Amino acid sequence: MQHNLQTQTKNNILVIQLPEEFDCFKVDKAREQLDHFANDVADNIQINFLHTQFLDSSGIGAIVFLFKRLRAQNRHLELVNVAGQPLKLMSMLHVDRAIPVNRVSMNNVA
């Protein structure tokens, strides 16, 4: 399995750190790892956008796909430290209405 996404476990939550750009090229490289996360790795998963400056439709699609697979298993996904272009795109596509999105907060900065 390629390990392109950095992860850590914090308070029984798997935290996935997205790269600065999560576009079609990064999504393609991380696809196998995202499938692994969807297969019962942890009940609660956070995707941390702290360093993410750019997100495209492939990134949104990967996140929504992961969310749907987790929800079908009664598991939870939360997006944290979302700001800038990724936040605008998620708001425009109403992703924030389905998936819990927490904007950048000094309390969330790791």
N, C-alpha and C. Protein backbone atom coordinates (compact mmCIF):
# COMPACT_ATOMS: atom_id res chain seq x y z
N MET A 1 0.85 -1.18 0.00
CA MET A 1 0.00 0.00 0.00
C MET A 1 0.89 1.24 0.00
N GLN A 2 0.60 2.18 -0.88
CA GLN A 2 1.32 3.44 -0.87
C GLN A 2 0.82 4.28 0.29
N HIS A 3 1.75 4.92 0.98
CA HIS A 3 1.37 5.77 2.11
C HIS A 3 1.67 7.22 1.74
N ASN A 4 0.72 7.84 1.08
CA ASN A 4 0.89 9.23 0.65
C ASN A 4 0.26 10.21 1.63
N LEU A 5 -0.69 9.75 2.41
CA LEU A 5 -1.36 10.61 3.39
C LEU A 5 -0.81 10.30 4.77
N GLN A 6 -0.38 11.33 5.46
CA GLN A 6 0.12 11.14 6.81
C GLN A 6 -1.06 10.96 7.75
N THR A 7 -0.90 10.06 8.71
CA THR A 7 -1.97 9.81 9.68
C THR A 7 -1.39 9.74 11.08
N GLN A 8 -2.26 9.96 12.03
CA GLN A 8 -1.93 9.74 13.44
C GLN A 8 -3.22 9.42 14.17
N THR A 9 -3.10 8.74 15.27
CA THR A 9 -4.28 8.44 16.09
C THR A 9 -4.21 9.33 17.32
N LYS A 10 -5.33 10.00 17.57
CA LYS A 10 -5.40 10.97 18.67
C LYS A 10 -6.76 10.81 19.34
N ASN A 11 -6.77 10.41 20.61
CA ASN A 11 -8.02 10.20 21.36
C ASN A 11 -8.96 9.24 20.63
N ASN A 12 -8.43 8.11 20.16
CA ASN A 12 -9.20 7.09 19.44
C ASN A 12 -9.81 7.58 18.13
N ILE A 13 -9.24 8.65 17.57
CA ILE A 13 -9.69 9.18 16.29
C ILE A 13 -8.52 9.08 15.31
N LEU A 14 -8.76 8.52 14.15
CA LEU A 14 -7.75 8.49 13.11
C LEU A 14 -7.76 9.86 12.43
N VAL A 15 -6.64 10.57 12.50
CA VAL A 15 -6.52 11.89 11.89
C VAL A 15 -5.69 11.75 10.61
N ILE A 16 -6.30 12.12 9.49
CA ILE A 16 -5.64 12.08 8.19
C ILE A 16 -5.25 13.51 7.82
N GLN A 17 -3.97 13.73 7.59
CA GLN A 17 -3.48 15.05 7.20
C GLN A 17 -3.43 15.13 5.68
N LEU A 18 -4.23 16.02 5.11
CA LEU A 18 -4.20 16.19 3.66
C LEU A 18 -2.99 17.03 3.26
N PRO A 19 -2.49 16.80 2.05
CA PRO A 19 -1.36 17.61 1.57
C PRO A 19 -1.80 19.02 1.20
N GLU A 20 -0.85 19.85 0.83
CA GLU A 20 -1.14 21.23 0.46
C GLU A 20 -2.13 21.31 -0.70
N GLU A 21 -1.99 20.40 -1.66
CA GLU A 21 -2.94 20.31 -2.77
C GLU A 21 -3.51 18.90 -2.80
N PHE A 22 -4.83 18.79 -2.79
CA PHE A 22 -5.49 17.48 -2.88
C PHE A 22 -6.28 17.48 -4.17
N ASP A 23 -5.57 17.23 -5.26
CA ASP A 23 -6.15 17.27 -6.60
C ASP A 23 -6.18 15.86 -7.19
N CYS A 24 -6.54 15.76 -8.47
CA CYS A 24 -6.71 14.45 -9.09
C CYS A 24 -5.45 13.60 -9.03
N PHE A 25 -4.28 14.21 -9.10
CA PHE A 25 -3.03 13.45 -9.05
C PHE A 25 -2.79 12.87 -7.65
N LYS A 26 -3.03 13.67 -6.61
CA LYS A 26 -2.85 13.21 -5.23
C LYS A 26 -3.92 12.20 -4.85
N VAL A 27 -5.14 12.41 -5.32
CA VAL A 27 -6.23 11.47 -5.04
C VAL A 27 -5.91 10.11 -5.65
N ASP A 28 -5.42 10.10 -6.88
CA ASP A 28 -5.09 8.84 -7.54
C ASP A 28 -4.03 8.08 -6.76
N LYS A 29 -3.03 8.79 -6.25
CA LYS A 29 -1.96 8.14 -5.47
C LYS A 29 -2.46 7.66 -4.12
N ALA A 30 -3.48 8.32 -3.57
CA ALA A 30 -3.98 7.99 -2.23
C ALA A 30 -5.19 7.06 -2.25
N ARG A 31 -5.67 6.68 -3.43
CA ARG A 31 -6.91 5.90 -3.55
C ARG A 31 -6.87 4.61 -2.73
N GLU A 32 -5.79 3.86 -2.83
CA GLU A 32 -5.68 2.60 -2.09
C GLU A 32 -5.69 2.84 -0.58
N GLN A 33 -5.02 3.89 -0.16
CA GLN A 33 -4.99 4.23 1.26
C GLN A 33 -6.38 4.66 1.75
N LEU A 34 -7.10 5.42 0.95
CA LEU A 34 -8.46 5.83 1.32
C LEU A 34 -9.39 4.62 1.42
N ASP A 35 -9.23 3.67 0.50
CA ASP A 35 -10.01 2.43 0.58
C ASP A 35 -9.70 1.69 1.89
N HIS A 36 -8.45 1.69 2.28
CA HIS A 36 -8.05 1.04 3.53
C HIS A 36 -8.74 1.72 4.73
N PHE A 37 -8.78 3.04 4.73
CA PHE A 37 -9.44 3.77 5.83
C PHE A 37 -10.92 3.44 5.90
N ALA A 38 -11.54 3.21 4.75
CA ALA A 38 -12.97 2.91 4.71
C ALA A 38 -13.27 1.50 5.18
N ASN A 39 -12.26 0.66 5.26
CA ASN A 39 -12.45 -0.74 5.66
C ASN A 39 -12.12 -0.97 7.12
N ASP A 40 -12.87 -0.33 7.99
CA ASP A 40 -12.83 -0.63 9.42
C ASP A 40 -11.49 -0.36 10.10
N VAL A 41 -10.83 0.73 9.77
CA VAL A 41 -9.59 1.11 10.44
C VAL A 41 -9.90 1.77 11.78
N ALA A 42 -10.88 2.67 11.80
CA ALA A 42 -11.26 3.38 13.02
C ALA A 42 -12.73 3.78 12.91
N ASP A 43 -13.41 3.88 14.04
CA ASP A 43 -14.81 4.29 14.02
C ASP A 43 -14.97 5.78 13.74
N ASN A 44 -14.00 6.57 14.17
CA ASN A 44 -14.06 8.01 13.98
C ASN A 44 -12.82 8.46 13.22
N ILE A 45 -13.07 9.19 12.14
CA ILE A 45 -11.98 9.68 11.30
C ILE A 45 -12.14 11.19 11.12
N GLN A 46 -11.02 11.89 11.24
CA GLN A 46 -10.97 13.32 10.95
C GLN A 46 -10.04 13.51 9.77
N ILE A 47 -10.43 14.37 8.85
CA ILE A 47 -9.53 14.79 7.79
C ILE A 47 -9.11 16.21 8.12
N ASN A 48 -7.81 16.40 8.31
CA ASN A 48 -7.27 17.69 8.72
C ASN A 48 -6.80 18.47 7.49
N PHE A 49 -7.38 19.64 7.29
CA PHE A 49 -7.07 20.51 6.16
C PHE A 49 -6.11 21.63 6.55
N LEU A 50 -5.41 21.49 7.66
CA LEU A 50 -4.60 22.58 8.19
C LEU A 50 -3.64 23.15 7.15
N HIS A 51 -3.01 22.31 6.35
CA HIS A 51 -2.03 22.77 5.36
C HIS A 51 -2.57 22.77 3.93
N THR A 52 -3.84 22.42 3.76
CA THR A 52 -4.41 22.27 2.43
C THR A 52 -4.86 23.63 1.89
N GLN A 53 -4.28 24.01 0.76
CA GLN A 53 -4.60 25.29 0.11
C GLN A 53 -5.50 25.12 -1.11
N PHE A 54 -5.48 23.91 -1.69
CA PHE A 54 -6.24 23.70 -2.93
C PHE A 54 -6.89 22.32 -2.93
N LEU A 55 -8.14 22.30 -3.34
CA LEU A 55 -8.93 21.08 -3.44
C LEU A 55 -9.69 21.16 -4.76
N ASP A 56 -9.70 20.06 -5.53
CA ASP A 56 -10.49 20.06 -6.76
C ASP A 56 -11.63 19.06 -6.64
N SER A 57 -12.37 18.88 -7.74
CA SER A 57 -13.54 18.00 -7.70
C SER A 57 -13.16 16.55 -7.39
N SER A 58 -11.96 16.13 -7.79
CA SER A 58 -11.51 14.78 -7.46
C SER A 58 -11.34 14.62 -5.95
N GLY A 59 -10.80 15.65 -5.32
CA GLY A 59 -10.63 15.63 -3.86
C GLY A 59 -11.98 15.58 -3.16
N ILE A 60 -12.92 16.40 -3.63
CA ILE A 60 -14.27 16.39 -3.07
C ILE A 60 -14.89 15.00 -3.25
N GLY A 61 -14.75 14.45 -4.44
CA GLY A 61 -15.32 13.13 -4.73
C GLY A 61 -14.75 12.05 -3.82
N ALA A 62 -13.45 12.09 -3.57
CA ALA A 62 -12.82 11.10 -2.70
C ALA A 62 -13.33 11.23 -1.26
N ILE A 63 -13.49 12.45 -0.81
CA ILE A 63 -13.98 12.69 0.55
C ILE A 63 -15.43 12.23 0.68
N VAL A 64 -16.27 12.58 -0.28
CA VAL A 64 -17.68 12.17 -0.25
C VAL A 64 -17.80 10.66 -0.33
N PHE A 65 -16.99 10.02 -1.18
CA PHE A 65 -16.99 8.56 -1.29
C PHE A 65 -16.63 7.92 0.05
N LEU A 66 -15.58 8.43 0.71
CA LEU A 66 -15.19 7.92 2.02
C LEU A 66 -16.31 8.13 3.04
N PHE A 67 -16.92 9.32 3.02
CA PHE A 67 -18.01 9.62 3.94
C PHE A 67 -19.16 8.64 3.79
N LYS A 68 -19.55 8.37 2.54
CA LYS A 68 -20.67 7.45 2.30
C LYS A 68 -20.35 6.04 2.78
N ARG A 69 -19.14 5.58 2.54
CA ARG A 69 -18.76 4.24 2.99
C ARG A 69 -18.72 4.16 4.51
N LEU A 70 -18.23 5.19 5.15
CA LEU A 70 -18.18 5.20 6.62
C LEU A 70 -19.58 5.26 7.21
N ARG A 71 -20.42 6.12 6.65
CA ARG A 71 -21.78 6.27 7.17
C ARG A 71 -22.57 4.97 7.04
N ALA A 72 -22.36 4.23 5.97
CA ALA A 72 -23.04 2.95 5.78
C ALA A 72 -22.65 1.94 6.86
N GLN A 73 -21.51 2.15 7.50
CA GLN A 73 -21.03 1.27 8.56
C GLN A 73 -21.24 1.89 9.95
N ASN A 74 -22.03 2.96 10.02
CA ASN A 74 -22.26 3.69 11.27
C ASN A 74 -20.97 4.21 11.88
N ARG A 75 -20.06 4.66 11.01
CA ARG A 75 -18.82 5.29 11.45
C ARG A 75 -18.90 6.77 11.09
N HIS A 76 -17.97 7.56 11.60
CA HIS A 76 -18.10 9.01 11.48
C HIS A 76 -16.88 9.64 10.81
N LEU A 77 -17.16 10.67 10.03
CA LEU A 77 -16.12 11.46 9.37
C LEU A 77 -16.36 12.92 9.69
N GLU A 78 -15.30 13.62 10.01
CA GLU A 78 -15.37 15.05 10.28
C GLU A 78 -14.20 15.72 9.56
N LEU A 79 -14.45 16.89 9.00
CA LEU A 79 -13.41 17.66 8.33
C LEU A 79 -13.04 18.83 9.24
N VAL A 80 -11.75 18.97 9.54
CA VAL A 80 -11.32 19.99 10.49
C VAL A 80 -10.29 20.93 9.87
N ASN A 81 -10.21 22.13 10.44
CA ASN A 81 -9.27 23.16 10.02
C ASN A 81 -9.43 23.52 8.54
N VAL A 82 -10.67 23.62 8.11
CA VAL A 82 -10.97 23.92 6.70
C VAL A 82 -11.05 25.44 6.53
N ALA A 83 -10.35 25.95 5.51
CA ALA A 83 -10.36 27.39 5.24
C ALA A 83 -10.07 27.63 3.77
N GLY A 84 -10.15 28.88 3.37
CA GLY A 84 -9.74 29.28 2.03
C GLY A 84 -10.52 28.61 0.92
N GLN A 85 -9.81 28.27 -0.16
CA GLN A 85 -10.43 27.68 -1.35
C GLN A 85 -11.15 26.38 -1.05
N PRO A 86 -10.57 25.46 -0.23
CA PRO A 86 -11.32 24.23 0.07
C PRO A 86 -12.67 24.51 0.75
N LEU A 87 -12.71 25.46 1.67
CA LEU A 87 -13.95 25.80 2.35
C LEU A 87 -14.96 26.41 1.38
N LYS A 88 -14.49 27.29 0.50
CA LYS A 88 -15.40 27.90 -0.48
C LYS A 88 -16.00 26.85 -1.41
N LEU A 89 -15.16 25.91 -1.87
CA LEU A 89 -15.66 24.86 -2.76
C LEU A 89 -16.66 23.96 -2.05
N MET A 90 -16.35 23.57 -0.81
CA MET A 90 -17.28 22.72 -0.05
C MET A 90 -18.60 23.43 0.20
N SER A 91 -18.54 24.71 0.50
CA SER A 91 -19.77 25.48 0.73
C SER A 91 -20.58 25.59 -0.56
N MET A 92 -19.89 25.87 -1.67
CA MET A 92 -20.57 26.02 -2.95
C MET A 92 -21.25 24.71 -3.36
N LEU A 93 -20.61 23.57 -3.08
CA LEU A 93 -21.16 22.26 -3.44
C LEU A 93 -22.04 21.67 -2.34
N HIS A 94 -22.23 22.40 -1.25
CA HIS A 94 -23.05 21.99 -0.11
C HIS A 94 -22.55 20.73 0.58
N VAL A 95 -21.27 20.46 0.47
CA VAL A 95 -20.67 19.33 1.17
C VAL A 95 -20.81 19.53 2.67
N ASP A 96 -20.71 20.79 3.10
CA ASP A 96 -20.80 21.11 4.52
C ASP A 96 -22.18 20.84 5.11
N ARG A 97 -23.16 20.57 4.27
CA ARG A 97 -24.50 20.22 4.77
C ARG A 97 -24.60 18.74 5.10
N ALA A 98 -23.73 17.92 4.53
CA ALA A 98 -23.77 16.48 4.75
C ALA A 98 -22.68 16.02 5.71
N ILE A 99 -21.49 16.60 5.57
CA ILE A 99 -20.34 16.19 6.37
C ILE A 99 -20.02 17.31 7.35
N PRO A 100 -19.82 16.99 8.63
CA PRO A 100 -19.44 18.03 9.58
C PRO A 100 -18.12 18.69 9.19
N VAL A 101 -18.15 20.02 9.04
CA VAL A 101 -16.97 20.79 8.66
C VAL A 101 -16.69 21.80 9.75
N ASN A 102 -15.48 21.74 10.29
CA ASN A 102 -15.04 22.72 11.28
C ASN A 102 -13.98 23.60 10.66
N ARG A 103 -14.27 24.89 10.68
CA ARG A 103 -13.34 25.86 10.10
C ARG A 103 -12.11 25.97 10.98
N VAL A 104 -11.09 26.65 10.46
CA VAL A 104 -9.85 26.83 11.20
C VAL A 104 -10.15 27.52 12.53
N SER A 105 -9.61 26.93 13.57
CA SER A 105 -9.75 27.48 14.91
C SER A 105 -8.41 27.30 15.62
N MET A 106 -8.03 28.26 16.41
CA MET A 106 -6.76 28.14 17.13
C MET A 106 -6.77 26.95 18.07
N ASN A 107 -7.95 26.50 18.53
CA ASN A 107 -8.05 25.33 19.40
C ASN A 107 -7.78 24.04 18.63
N ASN A 108 -8.00 24.06 17.31
CA ASN A 108 -7.82 22.86 16.51
C ASN A 108 -6.42 22.71 15.93
N VAL A 109 -5.63 23.78 15.98
CA VAL A 109 -4.32 23.74 15.36
C VAL A 109 -3.43 22.77 16.12
N ALA A 110 -2.91 21.79 15.38
CA ALA A 110 -2.07 20.76 16.02
C ALA A 110 -0.62 21.18 16.04
